[in-house]
Amino acid sequence: HGYRSSWHVDFSISIPFYHAQGFNLLLIDQRACEQSEGKFITFGV
């Protein structure tokens, strides 16, 4: 997902489509977001 967001917001609308294509989904919490640890977002680094 994106900056200071969550997969619930960024992918909620598309998840049913992806799942219907026959794929498992691993929806990660980026570091310093949601349930993942970390104090700092590092912009992908």
PDB file of all heavy atoms in Angstrom:
ATOM      1  N   HIS A   1       0.821  -1.208   0.000  1.00  0.00           N
ATOM      2  CA  HIS A   1       0.000   0.000   0.000  1.00  0.00           C
ATOM      3  C   HIS A   1       0.858   1.262   0.000  1.00  0.00           C
ATOM      4  O   HIS A   1       2.084   1.226   0.085  1.00  0.00           O
ATOM      5  CB  HIS A   1      -0.946   0.005   1.211  1.00  0.00           C
ATOM      6  CG  HIS A   1      -0.243   0.071   2.543  1.00  0.00           C
ATOM      7  ND1 HIS A   1       0.352   1.213   3.025  1.00  0.00           N
ATOM      8  CD2 HIS A   1      -0.046  -0.885   3.499  1.00  0.00           C
ATOM      9  CE1 HIS A   1       0.871   0.982   4.216  1.00  0.00           C
ATOM     10  NE2 HIS A   1       0.662  -0.283   4.522  1.00  0.00           N
ATOM     11  N   GLY A   2       0.184   2.401  -0.059  1.00  0.00           N
ATOM     12  CA  GLY A   2       0.862   3.674  -0.201  1.00  0.00           C
ATOM     13  C   GLY A   2       1.235   4.356   1.101  1.00  0.00           C
ATOM     14  O   GLY A   2       1.054   3.820   2.206  1.00  0.00           O
ATOM     15  N   TYR A   3       1.731   5.555   0.957  1.00  0.00           N
ATOM     16  CA  TYR A   3       2.253   6.368   2.050  1.00  0.00           C
ATOM     17  C   TYR A   3       1.180   6.670   3.097  1.00  0.00           C
ATOM     18  O   TYR A   3       0.130   7.209   2.791  1.00  0.00           O
ATOM     19  CB  TYR A   3       2.785   7.673   1.459  1.00  0.00           C
ATOM     20  CG  TYR A   3       3.262   8.704   2.444  1.00  0.00           C
ATOM     21  CD1 TYR A   3       4.469   8.547   3.111  1.00  0.00           C
ATOM     22  CD2 TYR A   3       2.527   9.851   2.679  1.00  0.00           C
ATOM     23  CE1 TYR A   3       4.928   9.509   3.997  1.00  0.00           C
ATOM     24  CE2 TYR A   3       2.970  10.828   3.555  1.00  0.00           C
ATOM     25  CZ  TYR A   3       4.170  10.648   4.223  1.00  0.00           C
ATOM     26  OH  TYR A   3       4.603  11.610   5.099  1.00  0.00           O
ATOM     27  N   ARG A   4       1.468   6.284   4.334  1.00  0.00           N
ATOM     28  CA  ARG A   4       0.560   6.503   5.463  1.00  0.00           C
ATOM     29  C   ARG A   4      -0.872   6.072   5.137  1.00  0.00           C
ATOM     30  O   ARG A   4      -1.841   6.697   5.559  1.00  0.00           O
ATOM     31  CB  ARG A   4       0.593   7.959   5.910  1.00  0.00           C
ATOM     32  CG  ARG A   4       1.846   8.273   6.718  1.00  0.00           C
ATOM     33  CD  ARG A   4       1.842   9.673   7.271  1.00  0.00           C
ATOM     34  NE  ARG A   4       3.056   9.877   8.069  1.00  0.00           N
ATOM     35  CZ  ARG A   4       3.639  11.049   8.265  1.00  0.00           C
ATOM     36  NH1 ARG A   4       3.126  12.134   7.721  1.00  0.00           N
ATOM     37  NH2 ARG A   4       4.722  11.160   8.999  1.00  0.00           N
ATOM     38  N   SER A   5      -0.983   4.983   4.412  1.00  0.00           N
ATOM     39  CA  SER A   5      -2.285   4.446   4.069  1.00  0.00           C
ATOM     40  C   SER A   5      -2.372   3.025   4.616  1.00  0.00           C
ATOM     41  O   SER A   5      -1.656   2.666   5.558  1.00  0.00           O
ATOM     42  CB  SER A   5      -2.495   4.480   2.558  1.00  0.00           C
ATOM     43  OG  SER A   5      -3.812   4.118   2.217  1.00  0.00           O
ATOM     44  N   SER A   6      -3.227   2.224   4.032  1.00  0.00           N
ATOM     45  CA  SER A   6      -3.350   0.816   4.414  1.00  0.00           C
ATOM     46  C   SER A   6      -3.902   0.062   3.212  1.00  0.00           C
ATOM     47  O   SER A   6      -4.475   0.665   2.299  1.00  0.00           O
ATOM     48  CB  SER A   6      -4.289   0.649   5.606  1.00  0.00           C
ATOM     49  OG  SER A   6      -5.637   0.869   5.205  1.00  0.00           O
ATOM     50  N   TRP A   7      -3.735  -1.244   3.234  1.00  0.00           N
ATOM     51  CA  TRP A   7      -4.260  -2.012   2.113  1.00  0.00           C
ATOM     52  C   TRP A   7      -5.786  -1.959   2.093  1.00  0.00           C
ATOM     53  O   TRP A   7      -6.407  -2.086   1.043  1.00  0.00           O
ATOM     54  CB  TRP A   7      -3.761  -3.450   2.154  1.00  0.00           C
ATOM     55  CG  TRP A   7      -4.182  -4.280   3.326  1.00  0.00           C
ATOM     56  CD1 TRP A   7      -3.451  -4.543   4.452  1.00  0.00           C
ATOM     57  CD2 TRP A   7      -5.423  -4.987   3.481  1.00  0.00           C
ATOM     58  NE1 TRP A   7      -4.167  -5.358   5.301  1.00  0.00           N
ATOM     59  CE2 TRP A   7      -5.381  -5.639   4.724  1.00  0.00           C
ATOM     60  CE3 TRP A   7      -6.563  -5.120   2.696  1.00  0.00           C
ATOM     61  CZ2 TRP A   7      -6.434  -6.423   5.211  1.00  0.00           C
ATOM     62  CZ3 TRP A   7      -7.621  -5.894   3.168  1.00  0.00           C
ATOM     63  CH2 TRP A   7      -7.542  -6.529   4.416  1.00  0.00           C
ATOM     64  N   HIS A   8      -6.424  -1.762   3.265  1.00  0.00           N
ATOM     65  CA  HIS A   8      -7.880  -1.676   3.315  1.00  0.00           C
ATOM     66  C   HIS A   8      -8.386  -0.537   2.422  1.00  0.00           C
ATOM     67  O   HIS A   8      -9.396  -0.668   1.731  1.00  0.00           O
ATOM     68  CB  HIS A   8      -8.354  -1.414   4.750  1.00  0.00           C
ATOM     69  CG  HIS A   8      -7.881  -2.412   5.743  1.00  0.00           C
ATOM     70  ND1 HIS A   8      -6.617  -2.378   6.284  1.00  0.00           N
ATOM     71  CD2 HIS A   8      -8.491  -3.487   6.290  1.00  0.00           C
ATOM     72  CE1 HIS A   8      -6.473  -3.389   7.124  1.00  0.00           C
ATOM     73  NE2 HIS A   8      -7.593  -4.068   7.151  1.00  0.00           N
ATOM     74  N   VAL A   9      -7.685   0.586   2.448  1.00  0.00           N
ATOM     75  CA  VAL A   9      -8.092   1.742   1.654  1.00  0.00           C
ATOM     76  C   VAL A   9      -7.624   1.614   0.208  1.00  0.00           C
ATOM     77  O   VAL A   9      -8.388   1.828  -0.733  1.00  0.00           O
ATOM     78  CB  VAL A   9      -7.537   3.040   2.275  1.00  0.00           C
ATOM     79  CG1 VAL A   9      -7.812   4.237   1.368  1.00  0.00           C
ATOM     80  CG2 VAL A   9      -8.147   3.268   3.649  1.00  0.00           C
ATOM     81  N   ASP A  10      -6.361   1.242   0.018  1.00  0.00           N
ATOM     82  CA  ASP A  10      -5.778   1.262  -1.323  1.00  0.00           C
ATOM     83  C   ASP A  10      -6.254   0.123  -2.221  1.00  0.00           C
ATOM     84  O   ASP A  10      -6.307   0.281  -3.448  1.00  0.00           O
ATOM     85  CB  ASP A  10      -4.251   1.226  -1.230  1.00  0.00           C
ATOM     86  CG  ASP A  10      -3.676   2.527  -0.702  1.00  0.00           C
ATOM     87  OD1 ASP A  10      -4.470   3.453  -0.427  1.00  0.00           O
ATOM     88  OD2 ASP A  10      -2.455   2.622  -0.556  1.00  0.00           O
ATOM     89  N   PHE A  11      -6.588  -1.029  -1.627  1.00  0.00           N
ATOM     90  CA  PHE A  11      -6.899  -2.198  -2.450  1.00  0.00           C
ATOM     91  C   PHE A  11      -8.280  -2.790  -2.206  1.00  0.00           C
ATOM     92  O   PHE A  11      -8.638  -3.778  -2.851  1.00  0.00           O
ATOM     93  CB  PHE A  11      -5.848  -3.291  -2.235  1.00  0.00           C
ATOM     94  CG  PHE A  11      -4.449  -2.872  -2.572  1.00  0.00           C
ATOM     95  CD1 PHE A  11      -3.436  -2.930  -1.617  1.00  0.00           C
ATOM     96  CD2 PHE A  11      -4.132  -2.401  -3.828  1.00  0.00           C
ATOM     97  CE1 PHE A  11      -2.138  -2.539  -1.921  1.00  0.00           C
ATOM     98  CE2 PHE A  11      -2.840  -2.002  -4.143  1.00  0.00           C
ATOM     99  CZ  PHE A  11      -1.845  -2.073  -3.187  1.00  0.00           C
ATOM    100  N   SER A  12      -9.050  -2.226  -1.285  1.00  0.00           N
ATOM    101  CA  SER A  12     -10.345  -2.834  -0.961  1.00  0.00           C
ATOM    102  C   SER A  12     -11.217  -3.048  -2.193  1.00  0.00           C
ATOM    103  O   SER A  12     -11.846  -4.084  -2.353  1.00  0.00           O
ATOM    104  CB  SER A  12     -11.097  -1.971   0.055  1.00  0.00           C
ATOM    105  OG  SER A  12     -10.595  -2.162   1.355  1.00  0.00           O
ATOM    106  N   ILE A  13     -11.264  -2.048  -3.073  1.00  0.00           N
ATOM    107  CA  ILE A  13     -12.131  -2.160  -4.246  1.00  0.00           C
ATOM    108  C   ILE A  13     -11.624  -3.215  -5.228  1.00  0.00           C
ATOM    109  O   ILE A  13     -12.408  -3.910  -5.867  1.00  0.00           O
ATOM    110  CB  ILE A  13     -12.265  -0.793  -4.944  1.00  0.00           C
ATOM    111  CG1 ILE A  13     -13.087   0.144  -4.049  1.00  0.00           C
ATOM    112  CG2 ILE A  13     -12.910  -0.923  -6.311  1.00  0.00           C
ATOM    113  CD1 ILE A  13     -13.242   1.527  -4.606  1.00  0.00           C
ATOM    114  N   SER A  14     -10.316  -3.381  -5.339  1.00  0.00           N
ATOM    115  CA  SER A  14      -9.754  -4.296  -6.342  1.00  0.00           C
ATOM    116  C   SER A  14      -9.550  -5.722  -5.828  1.00  0.00           C
ATOM    117  O   SER A  14      -9.355  -6.630  -6.643  1.00  0.00           O
ATOM    118  CB  SER A  14      -8.425  -3.746  -6.864  1.00  0.00           C
ATOM    119  OG  SER A  14      -7.503  -3.552  -5.808  1.00  0.00           O
ATOM    120  N   ILE A  15      -9.586  -5.931  -4.518  1.00  0.00           N
ATOM    121  CA  ILE A  15      -9.326  -7.269  -3.969  1.00  0.00           C
ATOM    122  C   ILE A  15     -10.272  -8.330  -4.548  1.00  0.00           C
ATOM    123  O   ILE A  15      -9.809  -9.400  -4.973  1.00  0.00           O
ATOM    124  CB  ILE A  15      -9.388  -7.253  -2.426  1.00  0.00           C
ATOM    125  CG1 ILE A  15      -8.115  -6.623  -1.869  1.00  0.00           C
ATOM    126  CG2 ILE A  15      -9.551  -8.665  -1.865  1.00  0.00           C
ATOM    127  CD1 ILE A  15      -8.144  -6.403  -0.364  1.00  0.00           C
ATOM    128  N   PRO A  16     -11.582  -8.095  -4.573  1.00  0.00           N
ATOM    129  CA  PRO A  16     -12.456  -9.129  -5.148  1.00  0.00           C
ATOM    130  C   PRO A  16     -12.107  -9.476  -6.591  1.00  0.00           C
ATOM    131  O   PRO A  16     -12.186 -10.641  -6.997  1.00  0.00           O
ATOM    132  CB  PRO A  16     -13.850  -8.484  -5.050  1.00  0.00           C
ATOM    133  CG  PRO A  16     -13.745  -7.533  -3.899  1.00  0.00           C
ATOM    134  CD  PRO A  16     -12.355  -6.982  -4.000  1.00  0.00           C
ATOM    135  N   PHE A  17     -11.690  -8.480  -7.385  1.00  0.00           N
ATOM    136  CA  PHE A  17     -11.287  -8.735  -8.775  1.00  0.00           C
ATOM    137  C   PHE A  17     -10.056  -9.631  -8.823  1.00  0.00           C
ATOM    138  O   PHE A  17     -10.017 -10.624  -9.558  1.00  0.00           O
ATOM    139  CB  PHE A  17     -11.009  -7.417  -9.489  1.00  0.00           C
ATOM    140  CG  PHE A  17     -10.210  -7.567 -10.753  1.00  0.00           C
ATOM    141  CD1 PHE A  17     -10.776  -8.106 -11.898  1.00  0.00           C
ATOM    142  CD2 PHE A  17      -8.871  -7.190 -10.789  1.00  0.00           C
ATOM    143  CE1 PHE A  17     -10.039  -8.257 -13.059  1.00  0.00           C
ATOM    144  CE2 PHE A  17      -8.126  -7.335 -11.950  1.00  0.00           C
ATOM    145  CZ  PHE A  17      -8.711  -7.870 -13.091  1.00  0.00           C
ATOM    146  N   TYR A  18      -9.016  -9.268  -8.047  1.00  0.00           N
ATOM    147  CA  TYR A  18      -7.788 -10.059  -8.053  1.00  0.00           C
ATOM    148  C   TYR A  18      -8.055 -11.488  -7.603  1.00  0.00           C
ATOM    149  O   TYR A  18      -7.540 -12.451  -8.188  1.00  0.00           O
ATOM    150  CB  TYR A  18      -6.752  -9.422  -7.134  1.00  0.00           C
ATOM    151  CG  TYR A  18      -6.102  -8.174  -7.685  1.00  0.00           C
ATOM    152  CD1 TYR A  18      -6.148  -6.967  -6.975  1.00  0.00           C
ATOM    153  CD2 TYR A  18      -5.430  -8.188  -8.897  1.00  0.00           C
ATOM    154  CE1 TYR A  18      -5.546  -5.824  -7.473  1.00  0.00           C
ATOM    155  CE2 TYR A  18      -4.834  -7.044  -9.404  1.00  0.00           C
ATOM    156  CZ  TYR A  18      -4.890  -5.861  -8.683  1.00  0.00           C
ATOM    157  OH  TYR A  18      -4.298  -4.726  -9.170  1.00  0.00           O
ATOM    158  N   HIS A  19      -8.850 -11.634  -6.556  1.00  0.00           N
ATOM    159  CA  HIS A  19      -9.136 -12.967  -6.028  1.00  0.00           C
ATOM    160  C   HIS A  19      -9.906 -13.789  -7.055  1.00  0.00           C
ATOM    161  O   HIS A  19      -9.665 -14.995  -7.214  1.00  0.00           O
ATOM    162  CB  HIS A  19      -9.927 -12.842  -4.722  1.00  0.00           C
ATOM    163  CG  HIS A  19      -9.943 -14.092  -3.907  1.00  0.00           C
ATOM    164  ND1 HIS A  19     -10.980 -14.993  -3.946  1.00  0.00           N
ATOM    165  CD2 HIS A  19      -9.032 -14.596  -3.029  1.00  0.00           C
ATOM    166  CE1 HIS A  19     -10.725 -15.997  -3.121  1.00  0.00           C
ATOM    167  NE2 HIS A  19      -9.548 -15.779  -2.554  1.00  0.00           N
ATOM    168  N   ALA A  20     -10.809 -13.135  -7.790  1.00  0.00           N
ATOM    169  CA  ALA A  20     -11.598 -13.833  -8.805  1.00  0.00           C
ATOM    170  C   ALA A  20     -10.736 -14.302  -9.975  1.00  0.00           C
ATOM    171  O   ALA A  20     -11.142 -15.211 -10.719  1.00  0.00           O
ATOM    172  CB  ALA A  20     -12.713 -12.929  -9.309  1.00  0.00           C
ATOM    173  N   GLN A  21      -9.562 -13.692 -10.155  1.00  0.00           N
ATOM    174  CA  GLN A  21      -8.641 -14.124 -11.217  1.00  0.00           C
ATOM    175  C   GLN A  21      -7.894 -15.402 -10.840  1.00  0.00           C
ATOM    176  O   GLN A  21      -7.136 -15.934 -11.641  1.00  0.00           O
ATOM    177  CB  GLN A  21      -7.630 -13.018 -11.532  1.00  0.00           C
ATOM    178  CG  GLN A  21      -8.237 -11.705 -11.973  1.00  0.00           C
ATOM    179  CD  GLN A  21      -9.206 -11.869 -13.119  1.00  0.00           C
ATOM    180  OE1 GLN A  21      -8.857 -12.414 -14.164  1.00  0.00           O
ATOM    181  NE2 GLN A  21     -10.442 -11.421 -12.916  1.00  0.00           N
ATOM    182  N   GLY A  22      -8.105 -15.873  -9.598  1.00  0.00           N
ATOM    183  CA  GLY A  22      -7.477 -17.114  -9.162  1.00  0.00           C
ATOM    184  C   GLY A  22      -6.148 -16.930  -8.462  1.00  0.00           C
ATOM    185  O   GLY A  22      -5.285 -17.827  -8.526  1.00  0.00           O
ATOM    186  N   PHE A  23      -5.971 -15.824  -7.766  1.00  0.00           N
ATOM    187  CA  PHE A  23      -4.708 -15.550  -7.083  1.00  0.00           C
ATOM    188  C   PHE A  23      -4.892 -15.427  -5.569  1.00  0.00           C
ATOM    189  O   PHE A  23      -5.887 -14.853  -5.099  1.00  0.00           O
ATOM    190  CB  PHE A  23      -4.086 -14.242  -7.595  1.00  0.00           C
ATOM    191  CG  PHE A  23      -3.515 -14.349  -8.976  1.00  0.00           C
ATOM    192  CD1 PHE A  23      -4.309 -14.102 -10.088  1.00  0.00           C
ATOM    193  CD2 PHE A  23      -2.187 -14.716  -9.174  1.00  0.00           C
ATOM    194  CE1 PHE A  23      -3.797 -14.201 -11.370  1.00  0.00           C
ATOM    195  CE2 PHE A  23      -1.657 -14.823 -10.453  1.00  0.00           C
ATOM    196  CZ  PHE A  23      -2.463 -14.573 -11.550  1.00  0.00           C
ATOM    197  N   ASN A  24      -3.923 -15.995  -4.842  1.00  0.00           N
ATOM    198  CA  ASN A  24      -3.801 -15.657  -3.430  1.00  0.00           C
ATOM    199  C   ASN A  24      -3.381 -14.196  -3.327  1.00  0.00           C
ATOM    200  O   ASN A  24      -2.748 -13.650  -4.250  1.00  0.00           O
ATOM    201  CB  ASN A  24      -2.718 -16.493  -2.736  1.00  0.00           C
ATOM    202  CG  ASN A  24      -2.940 -17.975  -2.841  1.00  0.00           C
ATOM    203  OD1 ASN A  24      -4.059 -18.453  -2.722  1.00  0.00           O
ATOM    204  ND2 ASN A  24      -1.855 -18.718  -3.050  1.00  0.00           N
ATOM    205  N   LEU A  25      -3.670 -13.569  -2.192  1.00  0.00           N
ATOM    206  CA  LEU A  25      -3.270 -12.184  -1.962  1.00  0.00           C
ATOM    207  C   LEU A  25      -2.502 -12.082  -0.648  1.00  0.00           C
ATOM    208  O   LEU A  25      -3.005 -12.492   0.395  1.00  0.00           O
ATOM    209  CB  LEU A  25      -4.496 -11.274  -1.896  1.00  0.00           C
ATOM    210  CG  LEU A  25      -5.468 -11.345  -3.082  1.00  0.00           C
ATOM    211  CD1 LEU A  25      -6.696 -10.484  -2.812  1.00  0.00           C
ATOM    212  CD2 LEU A  25      -4.785 -10.912  -4.369  1.00  0.00           C
ATOM    213  N   LEU A  26      -1.299 -11.546  -0.713  1.00  0.00           N
ATOM    214  CA  LEU A  26      -0.541 -11.246   0.496  1.00  0.00           C
ATOM    215  C   LEU A  26      -0.514  -9.724   0.623  1.00  0.00           C
ATOM    216  O   LEU A  26       0.221  -9.031  -0.086  1.00  0.00           O
ATOM    217  CB  LEU A  26       0.883 -11.802   0.423  1.00  0.00           C
ATOM    218  CG  LEU A  26       1.711 -11.572   1.696  1.00  0.00           C
ATOM    219  CD1 LEU A  26       1.122 -12.351   2.874  1.00  0.00           C
ATOM    220  CD2 LEU A  26       3.169 -11.959   1.486  1.00  0.00           C
ATOM    221  N   LEU A  27      -1.335  -9.198   1.507  1.00  0.00           N
ATOM    222  CA  LEU A  27      -1.514  -7.754   1.677  1.00  0.00           C
ATOM    223  C   LEU A  27      -0.685  -7.305   2.874  1.00  0.00           C
ATOM    224  O   LEU A  27      -1.052  -7.532   4.025  1.00  0.00           O
ATOM    225  CB  LEU A  27      -2.998  -7.448   1.889  1.00  0.00           C
ATOM    226  CG  LEU A  27      -3.877  -7.883   0.706  1.00  0.00           C
ATOM    227  CD1 LEU A  27      -5.292  -8.168   1.152  1.00  0.00           C
ATOM    228  CD2 LEU A  27      -3.880  -6.819  -0.373  1.00  0.00           C
ATOM    229  N   ILE A  28       0.440  -6.685   2.598  1.00  0.00           N
ATOM    230  CA  ILE A  28       1.380  -6.372   3.666  1.00  0.00           C
ATOM    231  C   ILE A  28       1.063  -5.024   4.308  1.00  0.00           C
ATOM    232  O   ILE A  28       0.546  -4.113   3.678  1.00  0.00           O
ATOM    233  CB  ILE A  28       2.840  -6.382   3.155  1.00  0.00           C
ATOM    234  CG1 ILE A  28       3.094  -5.207   2.182  1.00  0.00           C
ATOM    235  CG2 ILE A  28       3.166  -7.714   2.483  1.00  0.00           C
ATOM    236  CD1 ILE A  28       4.560  -5.087   1.773  1.00  0.00           C
ATOM    237  N   ASP A  29       1.359  -4.936   5.604  1.00  0.00           N
ATOM    238  CA  ASP A  29       1.386  -3.650   6.296  1.00  0.00           C
ATOM    239  C   ASP A  29       2.803  -3.114   6.156  1.00  0.00           C
ATOM    240  O   ASP A  29       3.749  -3.721   6.670  1.00  0.00           O
ATOM    241  CB  ASP A  29       1.053  -3.811   7.783  1.00  0.00           C
ATOM    242  CG  ASP A  29      -0.392  -4.216   8.029  1.00  0.00           C
ATOM    243  OD1 ASP A  29      -1.222  -4.037   7.125  1.00  0.00           O
ATOM    244  OD2 ASP A  29      -0.682  -4.713   9.142  1.00  0.00           O
ATOM    245  N   GLN A  30       2.969  -2.006   5.454  1.00  0.00           N
ATOM    246  CA  GLN A  30       4.301  -1.428   5.317  1.00  0.00           C
ATOM    247  C   GLN A  30       4.859  -1.058   6.706  1.00  0.00           C
ATOM    248  O   GLN A  30       4.098  -0.776   7.630  1.00  0.00           O
ATOM    249  CB  GLN A  30       4.249  -0.175   4.445  1.00  0.00           C
ATOM    250  CG  GLN A  30       3.827  -0.425   3.006  1.00  0.00           C
ATOM    251  CD  GLN A  30       5.000  -0.542   2.052  1.00  0.00           C
ATOM    252  OE1 GLN A  30       5.997  -1.207   2.342  1.00  0.00           O
ATOM    253  NE2 GLN A  30       4.888   0.085   0.910  1.00  0.00           N
ATOM    254  N   ARG A  31       6.169  -1.079   6.845  1.00  0.00           N
ATOM    255  CA  ARG A  31       6.779  -0.716   8.124  1.00  0.00           C
ATOM    256  C   ARG A  31       6.282   0.659   8.580  1.00  0.00           C
ATOM    257  O   ARG A  31       6.014   1.553   7.778  1.00  0.00           O
ATOM    258  CB  ARG A  31       8.310  -0.725   8.034  1.00  0.00           C
ATOM    259  CG  ARG A  31       8.887   0.256   7.045  1.00  0.00           C
ATOM    260  CD  ARG A  31      10.393   0.352   7.149  1.00  0.00           C
ATOM    261  NE  ARG A  31      11.037  -0.951   7.060  1.00  0.00           N
ATOM    262  CZ  ARG A  31      12.136  -1.296   7.730  1.00  0.00           C
ATOM    263  NH1 ARG A  31      12.737  -0.413   8.510  1.00  0.00           N
ATOM    264  NH2 ARG A  31      12.674  -2.484   7.595  1.00  0.00           N
ATOM    265  N   ALA A  32       6.122   0.789   9.892  1.00  0.00           N
ATOM    266  CA  ALA A  32       5.606   2.021  10.511  1.00  0.00           C
ATOM    267  C   ALA A  32       4.155   2.286  10.147  1.00  0.00           C
ATOM    268  O   ALA A  32       3.678   3.420  10.238  1.00  0.00           O
ATOM    269  CB  ALA A  32       6.482   3.224  10.173  1.00  0.00           C
ATOM    270  N   CYS A  33       3.441   1.245   9.716  1.00  0.00           N
ATOM    271  CA  CYS A  33       2.017   1.365   9.403  1.00  0.00           C
ATOM    272  C   CYS A  33       1.266   0.161   9.974  1.00  0.00           C
ATOM    273  O   CYS A  33       1.800  -0.948  10.025  1.00  0.00           O
ATOM    274  CB  CYS A  33       1.783   1.416   7.892  1.00  0.00           C
ATOM    275  SG  CYS A  33       2.484   2.857   7.050  1.00  0.00           S
ATOM    276  N   GLU A  34       0.031   0.418  10.409  1.00  0.00           N
ATOM    277  CA  GLU A  34      -0.827  -0.654  10.881  1.00  0.00           C
ATOM    278  C   GLU A  34      -0.133  -1.517  11.944  1.00  0.00           C
ATOM    279  O   GLU A  34       0.423  -0.997  12.896  1.00  0.00           O
ATOM    280  CB  GLU A  34      -1.316  -1.491   9.704  1.00  0.00           C
ATOM    281  CG  GLU A  34      -2.224  -0.754   8.752  1.00  0.00           C
ATOM    282  CD  GLU A  34      -3.568  -0.393   9.351  1.00  0.00           C
ATOM    283  OE1 GLU A  34      -4.150  -1.210  10.074  1.00  0.00           O
ATOM    284  OE2 GLU A  34      -4.029   0.733   9.101  1.00  0.00           O
ATOM    285  N   GLN A  35      -0.101  -2.847  11.732  1.00  0.00           N
ATOM    286  CA  GLN A  35       0.443  -3.740  12.754  1.00  0.00           C
ATOM    287  C   GLN A  35       1.946  -3.994  12.612  1.00  0.00           C
ATOM    288  O   GLN A  35       2.526  -4.693  13.440  1.00  0.00           O
ATOM    289  CB  GLN A  35      -0.302  -5.075  12.721  1.00  0.00           C
ATOM    290  CG  GLN A  35      -1.780  -4.969  13.061  1.00  0.00           C
ATOM    291  CD  GLN A  35      -2.454  -6.317  13.127  1.00  0.00           C
ATOM    292  OE1 GLN A  35      -2.154  -7.168  13.976  1.00  0.00           O
ATOM    293  NE2 GLN A  35      -3.396  -6.543  12.210  1.00  0.00           N
ATOM    294  N   SER A  36       2.562  -3.463  11.582  1.00  0.00           N
ATOM    295  CA  SER A  36       4.009  -3.633  11.425  1.00  0.00           C
ATOM    296  C   SER A  36       4.762  -2.614  12.274  1.00  0.00           C
ATOM    297  O   SER A  36       4.334  -1.465  12.418  1.00  0.00           O
ATOM    298  CB  SER A  36       4.414  -3.472   9.955  1.00  0.00           C
ATOM    299  OG  SER A  36       3.969  -4.564   9.181  1.00  0.00           O
ATOM    300  N   GLU A  37       5.888  -3.043  12.819  1.00  0.00           N
ATOM    301  CA  GLU A  37       6.684  -2.174  13.666  1.00  0.00           C
ATOM    302  C   GLU A  37       7.469  -1.158  12.845  1.00  0.00           C
ATOM    303  O   GLU A  37       7.589  -1.269  11.630  1.00  0.00           O
ATOM    304  CB  GLU A  37       7.649  -3.013  14.514  1.00  0.00           C
ATOM    305  CG  GLU A  37       6.965  -3.856  15.573  1.00  0.00           C
ATOM    306  CD  GLU A  37       7.951  -4.633  16.423  1.00  0.00           C
ATOM    307  OE1 GLU A  37       9.124  -4.771  16.012  1.00  0.00           O
ATOM    308  OE2 GLU A  37       7.548  -5.114  17.494  1.00  0.00           O
ATOM    309  N   GLY A  38       8.030  -0.184  13.558  1.00  0.00           N
ATOM    310  CA  GLY A  38       8.855   0.836  12.937  1.00  0.00           C
ATOM    311  C   GLY A  38       8.392   2.223  13.315  1.00  0.00           C
ATOM    312  O   GLY A  38       7.188   2.481  13.409  1.00  0.00           O
ATOM    313  N   LYS A  39       9.350   3.118  13.538  1.00  0.00           N
ATOM    314  CA  LYS A  39       9.022   4.507  13.876  1.00  0.00           C
ATOM    315  C   LYS A  39       9.025   5.413  12.649  1.00  0.00           C
ATOM    316  O   LYS A  39       8.406   6.477  12.661  1.00  0.00           O
ATOM    317  CB  LYS A  39      10.037   5.051  14.892  1.00  0.00           C
ATOM    318  CG  LYS A  39       9.957   4.405  16.261  1.00  0.00           C
ATOM    319  CD  LYS A  39      10.970   5.042  17.205  1.00  0.00           C
ATOM    320  CE  LYS A  39      10.896   4.416  18.584  1.00  0.00           C
ATOM    321  NZ  LYS A  39      11.895   5.005  19.521  1.00  0.00           N
ATOM    322  N   PHE A  40       9.750   4.978  11.598  1.00  0.00           N
ATOM    323  CA  PHE A  40       9.936   5.861  10.457  1.00  0.00           C
ATOM    324  C   PHE A  40       9.557   5.193   9.142  1.00  0.00           C
ATOM    325  O   PHE A  40       9.902   4.032   8.893  1.00  0.00           O
ATOM    326  CB  PHE A  40      11.397   6.324  10.365  1.00  0.00           C
ATOM    327  CG  PHE A  40      11.853   7.146  11.532  1.00  0.00           C
ATOM    328  CD1 PHE A  40      12.587   6.565  12.551  1.00  0.00           C
ATOM    329  CD2 PHE A  40      11.554   8.497  11.605  1.00  0.00           C
ATOM    330  CE1 PHE A  40      13.017   7.316  13.634  1.00  0.00           C
ATOM    331  CE2 PHE A  40      11.976   9.264  12.688  1.00  0.00           C
ATOM    332  CZ  PHE A  40      12.713   8.669  13.707  1.00  0.00           C
ATOM    333  N   ILE A  41       8.862   5.943   8.299  1.00  0.00           N
ATOM    334  CA  ILE A  41       8.632   5.573   6.907  1.00  0.00           C
ATOM    335  C   ILE A  41       9.868   5.996   6.121  1.00  0.00           C
ATOM    336  O   ILE A  41      10.406   7.077   6.342  1.00  0.00           O
ATOM    337  CB  ILE A  41       7.385   6.295   6.367  1.00  0.00           C
ATOM    338  CG1 ILE A  41       6.139   5.813   7.098  1.00  0.00           C
ATOM    339  CG2 ILE A  41       7.243   6.105   4.863  1.00  0.00           C
ATOM    340  CD1 ILE A  41       4.915   6.665   6.839  1.00  0.00           C
ATOM    341  N   THR A  42      10.332   5.151   5.218  1.00  0.00           N
ATOM    342  CA  THR A  42      11.564   5.466   4.480  1.00  0.00           C
ATOM    343  C   THR A  42      11.337   5.575   2.961  1.00  0.00           C
ATOM    344  O   THR A  42      12.267   5.466   2.179  1.00  0.00           O
ATOM    345  CB  THR A  42      12.670   4.438   4.776  1.00  0.00           C
ATOM    346  OG1 THR A  42      12.345   3.182   4.181  1.00  0.00           O
ATOM    347  CG2 THR A  42      12.865   4.251   6.273  1.00  0.00           C
ATOM    348  N   PHE A  43      10.095   5.777   2.553  1.00  0.00           N
ATOM    349  CA  PHE A  43       9.766   6.075   1.148  1.00  0.00           C
ATOM    350  C   PHE A  43      10.247   4.998   0.170  1.00  0.00           C
ATOM    351  O   PHE A  43      10.624   5.302  -0.956  1.00  0.00           O
ATOM    352  CB  PHE A  43      10.313   7.439   0.749  1.00  0.00           C
ATOM    353  CG  PHE A  43       9.607   8.581   1.435  1.00  0.00           C
ATOM    354  CD1 PHE A  43       9.951   8.970   2.713  1.00  0.00           C
ATOM    355  CD2 PHE A  43       8.575   9.250   0.792  1.00  0.00           C
ATOM    356  CE1 PHE A  43       9.283  10.003   3.362  1.00  0.00           C
ATOM    357  CE2 PHE A  43       7.897  10.282   1.429  1.00  0.00           C
ATOM    358  CZ  PHE A  43       8.254  10.658   2.717  1.00  0.00           C
ATOM    359  N   GLY A  44      10.248   3.759   0.619  1.00  0.00           N
ATOM    360  CA  GLY A  44      10.608   2.642  -0.246  1.00  0.00           C
ATOM    361  C   GLY A  44      12.028   2.146  -0.085  1.00  0.00           C
ATOM    362  O   GLY A  44      12.356   1.031  -0.511  1.00  0.00           O
ATOM    363  N   VAL A  45      12.894   2.936   0.543  1.00  0.00           N
ATOM    364  CA  VAL A  45      14.311   2.569   0.629  1.00  0.00           C
ATOM    365  C   VAL A  45      14.495   1.299   1.458  1.00  0.00           C
ATOM    366  O   VAL A  45      15.167   0.347   1.026  1.00  0.00           O
ATOM    367  CB  VAL A  45      15.138   3.730   1.217  1.00  0.00           C
ATOM    368  CG1 VAL A  45      16.584   3.302   1.438  1.00  0.00           C
ATOM    369  CG2 VAL A  45      15.088   4.938   0.280  1.00  0.00           C
TER     370      VAL A  45
END
